[in-house]
């Protein structure tokens, strides 16, 4: 069986988006079940192109600010 690394952690000498086999994992002393459960790898057949989700940004609320130097009425 073939797997694809999906985490930013190096797995058995492979980095994200590289493929490795069950034998690669077992020869390195790893556990396929553990790596799957931890979310480090997925079955190569399960990898799909998923568009990136933009990061949510917190917007500051709009607040009126009184500027005593440059107010609209020209008063100080």
C-alpha atoms as a PDB file:
ATOM      1  CA  UNK A   1       0.000   0.000   0.000  1.00  0.00           C
ATOM      2  CA  UNK A   2       1.175   3.524  -0.722  1.00  0.00           C
ATOM      3  CA  UNK A   3       0.723   6.566   1.516  1.00  0.00           C
ATOM      4  CA  UNK A   4       1.274  10.309   1.163  1.00  0.00           C
ATOM      5  CA  UNK A   5       2.732  12.532   3.877  1.00  0.00           C
ATOM      6  CA  UNK A   6       0.260  15.314   4.673  1.00  0.00           C
ATOM      7  CA  UNK A   7       1.790  16.908   7.789  1.00  0.00           C
ATOM      8  CA  UNK A   8       4.693  19.315   8.056  1.00  0.00           C
ATOM      9  CA  UNK A   9       6.544  16.672  10.107  1.00  0.00           C
ATOM     10  CA  UNK A  10       9.175  14.535   8.382  1.00  0.00           C
ATOM     11  CA  UNK A  11       7.885  10.956   8.288  1.00  0.00           C
ATOM     12  CA  UNK A  12      10.413   8.173   7.672  1.00  0.00           C
ATOM     13  CA  UNK A  13      12.657  10.609   5.806  1.00  0.00           C
ATOM     14  CA  UNK A  14       9.832  11.927   3.617  1.00  0.00           C
ATOM     15  CA  UNK A  15       8.410  15.440   3.690  1.00  0.00           C
ATOM     16  CA  UNK A  16       4.948  16.798   2.906  1.00  0.00           C
ATOM     17  CA  UNK A  17       3.402  15.547  -0.372  1.00  0.00           C
ATOM     18  CA  UNK A  18       6.006  12.781  -0.823  1.00  0.00           C
ATOM     19  CA  UNK A  19       4.887   9.176  -1.084  1.00  0.00           C
ATOM     20  CA  UNK A  20       6.017   6.232   0.988  1.00  0.00           C
ATOM     21  CA  UNK A  21       5.037   2.577   1.215  1.00  0.00           C
ATOM     22  CA  UNK A  22       3.974   0.397   4.111  1.00  0.00           C
ATOM     23  CA  UNK A  23       7.395  -1.292   3.912  1.00  0.00           C
ATOM     24  CA  UNK A  24       9.140   2.115   4.208  1.00  0.00           C
ATOM     25  CA  UNK A  25       7.228   2.789   7.414  1.00  0.00           C
ATOM     26  CA  UNK A  26       7.752  -0.672   8.915  1.00  0.00           C
ATOM     27  CA  UNK A  27      11.470  -0.737   8.027  1.00  0.00           C
ATOM     28  CA  UNK A  28      11.885   2.620   9.818  1.00  0.00           C
ATOM     29  CA  UNK A  29      10.219   1.138  12.927  1.00  0.00           C
ATOM     30  CA  UNK A  30       7.005   3.093  12.496  1.00  0.00           C
ATOM     31  CA  UNK A  31       3.370   2.102  12.761  1.00  0.00           C
ATOM     32  CA  UNK A  32       1.046   2.726   9.827  1.00  0.00           C
ATOM     33  CA  UNK A  33      -1.995   2.852  12.129  1.00  0.00           C
ATOM     34  CA  UNK A  34      -0.341   5.386  14.444  1.00  0.00           C
ATOM     35  CA  UNK A  35       0.726   7.668  11.581  1.00  0.00           C
ATOM     36  CA  UNK A  36      -2.763   7.514  10.048  1.00  0.00           C
ATOM     37  CA  UNK A  37      -4.476   8.241  13.387  1.00  0.00           C
ATOM     38  CA  UNK A  38      -2.096  11.128  14.122  1.00  0.00           C
ATOM     39  CA  UNK A  39      -2.856  12.718  10.745  1.00  0.00           C
ATOM     40  CA  UNK A  40       0.701  12.516   9.419  1.00  0.00           C
ATOM     41  CA  UNK A  41      -0.147  10.332   6.406  1.00  0.00           C
ATOM     42  CA  UNK A  42      -3.150   9.337   4.298  1.00  0.00           C
ATOM     43  CA  UNK A  43      -3.696   6.586   1.800  1.00  0.00           C
ATOM     44  CA  UNK A  44      -2.349   7.734  -1.580  1.00  0.00           C
ATOM     45  CA  UNK A  45      -5.799   7.057  -3.037  1.00  0.00           C
ATOM     46  CA  UNK A  46      -7.402   9.415  -0.500  1.00  0.00           C
ATOM     47  CA  UNK A  47      -5.392  12.510  -1.450  1.00  0.00           C
ATOM     48  CA  UNK A  48      -7.535  15.047  -3.305  1.00  0.00           C
ATOM     49  CA  UNK A  49      -6.789  18.503  -4.587  1.00  0.00           C
ATOM     50  CA  UNK A  50      -8.492  20.778  -2.079  1.00  0.00           C
ATOM     51  CA  UNK A  51      -8.385  24.526  -2.629  1.00  0.00           C
ATOM     52  CA  UNK A  52      -6.712  26.476   0.126  1.00  0.00           C
ATOM     53  CA  UNK A  53      -9.056  28.121   2.597  1.00  0.00           C
ATOM     54  CA  UNK A  54      -8.161  31.753   3.222  1.00  0.00           C
ATOM     55  CA  UNK A  55      -7.243  32.625   6.782  1.00  0.00           C
ATOM     56  CA  UNK A  56      -9.970  34.424   8.685  1.00  0.00           C
ATOM     57  CA  UNK A  57      -8.906  37.851   9.808  1.00  0.00           C
ATOM     58  CA  UNK A  58     -10.373  39.735  12.693  1.00  0.00           C
ATOM     59  CA  UNK A  59     -11.637  43.111  11.615  1.00  0.00           C
ATOM     60  CA  UNK A  60     -11.549  45.970  14.032  1.00  0.00           C
ATOM     61  CA  UNK A  61     -14.908  47.613  14.666  1.00  0.00           C
ATOM     62  CA  UNK A  62     -15.423  51.028  13.110  1.00  0.00           C
ATOM     63  CA  UNK A  63     -15.191  53.631  15.834  1.00  0.00           C
ATOM     64  CA  UNK A  64     -15.498  57.365  15.428  1.00  0.00           C
ATOM     65  CA  UNK A  65     -12.432  59.149  16.720  1.00  0.00           C
ATOM     66  CA  UNK A  66     -12.642  62.757  17.821  1.00  0.00           C
ATOM     67  CA  UNK A  67      -9.580  64.688  16.776  1.00  0.00           C
ATOM     68  CA  UNK A  68      -9.464  67.975  18.693  1.00  0.00           C
ATOM     69  CA  UNK A  69      -6.880  69.443  16.296  1.00  0.00           C
ATOM     70  CA  UNK A  70      -8.551  68.735  12.967  1.00  0.00           C
ATOM     71  CA  UNK A  71     -12.264  68.608  13.675  1.00  0.00           C
ATOM     72  CA  UNK A  72     -14.713  69.470  10.939  1.00  0.00           C
ATOM     73  CA  UNK A  73     -16.058  72.596  12.641  1.00  0.00           C
ATOM     74  CA  UNK A  74     -12.666  74.226  13.026  1.00  0.00           C
ATOM     75  CA  UNK A  75     -12.977  74.462  16.819  1.00  0.00           C
ATOM     76  CA  UNK A  76     -10.312  73.565  19.321  1.00  0.00           C
END
